[in-house]
């Protein structure tokens, strides 16, 4: 059994982590890191889009 995660799953996992950091920066640290939180949410969204695109391509190959 391989412990290596599929490529699209890695992108989606990273997207979830980055988005979660962005939400926590936006809500709890609004005064100092609020804008950085919005940027993290946007980057997390981009990673999620890439991960879902890779998933669709992998499924269409099979």
C-alpha atoms as a PDB file:
ATOM      1  CA  UNK A   1       0.000   0.000   0.000  1.00  0.00           C
ATOM      2  CA  UNK A   2       1.343   3.388  -0.962  1.00  0.00           C
ATOM      3  CA  UNK A   3       1.312   6.147   1.644  1.00  0.00           C
ATOM      4  CA  UNK A   4       1.772   8.825  -0.994  1.00  0.00           C
ATOM      5  CA  UNK A   5      -1.341  10.931  -1.455  1.00  0.00           C
ATOM      6  CA  UNK A   6      -2.739  11.546  -4.922  1.00  0.00           C
ATOM      7  CA  UNK A   7      -1.844  14.901  -6.416  1.00  0.00           C
ATOM      8  CA  UNK A   8      -5.346  16.364  -6.460  1.00  0.00           C
ATOM      9  CA  UNK A   9      -5.927  15.323  -2.844  1.00  0.00           C
ATOM     10  CA  UNK A  10      -2.772  17.149  -1.771  1.00  0.00           C
ATOM     11  CA  UNK A  11      -3.945  20.359  -3.469  1.00  0.00           C
ATOM     12  CA  UNK A  12      -7.375  20.126  -1.847  1.00  0.00           C
ATOM     13  CA  UNK A  13      -5.829  19.413   1.571  1.00  0.00           C
ATOM     14  CA  UNK A  14      -3.497  22.427   1.273  1.00  0.00           C
ATOM     15  CA  UNK A  15      -6.452  24.551   0.145  1.00  0.00           C
ATOM     16  CA  UNK A  16      -8.410  23.613   3.262  1.00  0.00           C
ATOM     17  CA  UNK A  17      -5.476  24.451   5.539  1.00  0.00           C
ATOM     18  CA  UNK A  18      -4.739  27.806   3.876  1.00  0.00           C
ATOM     19  CA  UNK A  19      -8.414  28.789   3.864  1.00  0.00           C
ATOM     20  CA  UNK A  20      -8.737  27.883   7.535  1.00  0.00           C
ATOM     21  CA  UNK A  21      -5.733  30.028   8.392  1.00  0.00           C
ATOM     22  CA  UNK A  22      -7.237  32.872   6.382  1.00  0.00           C
ATOM     23  CA  UNK A  23     -10.559  32.654   8.196  1.00  0.00           C
ATOM     24  CA  UNK A  24      -8.866  32.589  11.589  1.00  0.00           C
ATOM     25  CA  UNK A  25      -6.651  35.559  10.680  1.00  0.00           C
ATOM     26  CA  UNK A  26      -9.669  37.489   9.432  1.00  0.00           C
ATOM     27  CA  UNK A  27     -11.864  36.844  12.461  1.00  0.00           C
ATOM     28  CA  UNK A  28      -9.560  36.670  15.476  1.00  0.00           C
ATOM     29  CA  UNK A  29      -6.686  38.883  14.400  1.00  0.00           C
ATOM     30  CA  UNK A  30      -8.741  41.441  12.492  1.00  0.00           C
ATOM     31  CA  UNK A  31      -6.715  44.446  13.665  1.00  0.00           C
ATOM     32  CA  UNK A  32      -3.263  43.210  12.740  1.00  0.00           C
ATOM     33  CA  UNK A  33      -3.635  40.421  10.133  1.00  0.00           C
ATOM     34  CA  UNK A  34      -7.124  40.928   8.690  1.00  0.00           C
ATOM     35  CA  UNK A  35      -5.968  41.764   5.176  1.00  0.00           C
ATOM     36  CA  UNK A  36      -3.539  38.860   5.137  1.00  0.00           C
ATOM     37  CA  UNK A  37      -6.449  36.616   6.072  1.00  0.00           C
ATOM     38  CA  UNK A  38      -8.383  37.693   2.991  1.00  0.00           C
ATOM     39  CA  UNK A  39      -5.353  36.947   0.833  1.00  0.00           C
ATOM     40  CA  UNK A  40      -5.032  33.482   2.398  1.00  0.00           C
ATOM     41  CA  UNK A  41      -8.709  32.793   1.678  1.00  0.00           C
ATOM     42  CA  UNK A  42      -8.198  33.759  -1.967  1.00  0.00           C
ATOM     43  CA  UNK A  43      -5.084  31.600  -2.321  1.00  0.00           C
ATOM     44  CA  UNK A  44      -6.893  28.692  -0.662  1.00  0.00           C
ATOM     45  CA  UNK A  45      -9.703  29.080  -3.185  1.00  0.00           C
ATOM     46  CA  UNK A  46      -7.232  28.952  -6.052  1.00  0.00           C
ATOM     47  CA  UNK A  47      -5.638  25.784  -4.679  1.00  0.00           C
ATOM     48  CA  UNK A  48      -9.105  24.256  -4.336  1.00  0.00           C
ATOM     49  CA  UNK A  49      -9.921  25.067  -7.958  1.00  0.00           C
ATOM     50  CA  UNK A  50      -6.643  23.524  -9.117  1.00  0.00           C
ATOM     51  CA  UNK A  51      -7.253  20.405  -7.035  1.00  0.00           C
ATOM     52  CA  UNK A  52     -10.752  19.918  -8.385  1.00  0.00           C
ATOM     53  CA  UNK A  53      -9.505  20.438 -11.948  1.00  0.00           C
ATOM     54  CA  UNK A  54      -6.828  17.789 -11.451  1.00  0.00           C
ATOM     55  CA  UNK A  55      -9.427  15.437  -9.980  1.00  0.00           C
ATOM     56  CA  UNK A  56     -11.651  15.863 -13.027  1.00  0.00           C
ATOM     57  CA  UNK A  57      -8.730  15.204 -15.371  1.00  0.00           C
ATOM     58  CA  UNK A  58      -7.743  12.067 -13.429  1.00  0.00           C
ATOM     59  CA  UNK A  59     -11.284  10.740 -13.515  1.00  0.00           C
ATOM     60  CA  UNK A  60     -11.629  11.378 -17.233  1.00  0.00           C
ATOM     61  CA  UNK A  61      -8.422   9.392 -17.909  1.00  0.00           C
ATOM     62  CA  UNK A  62      -9.854   6.325 -16.180  1.00  0.00           C
END
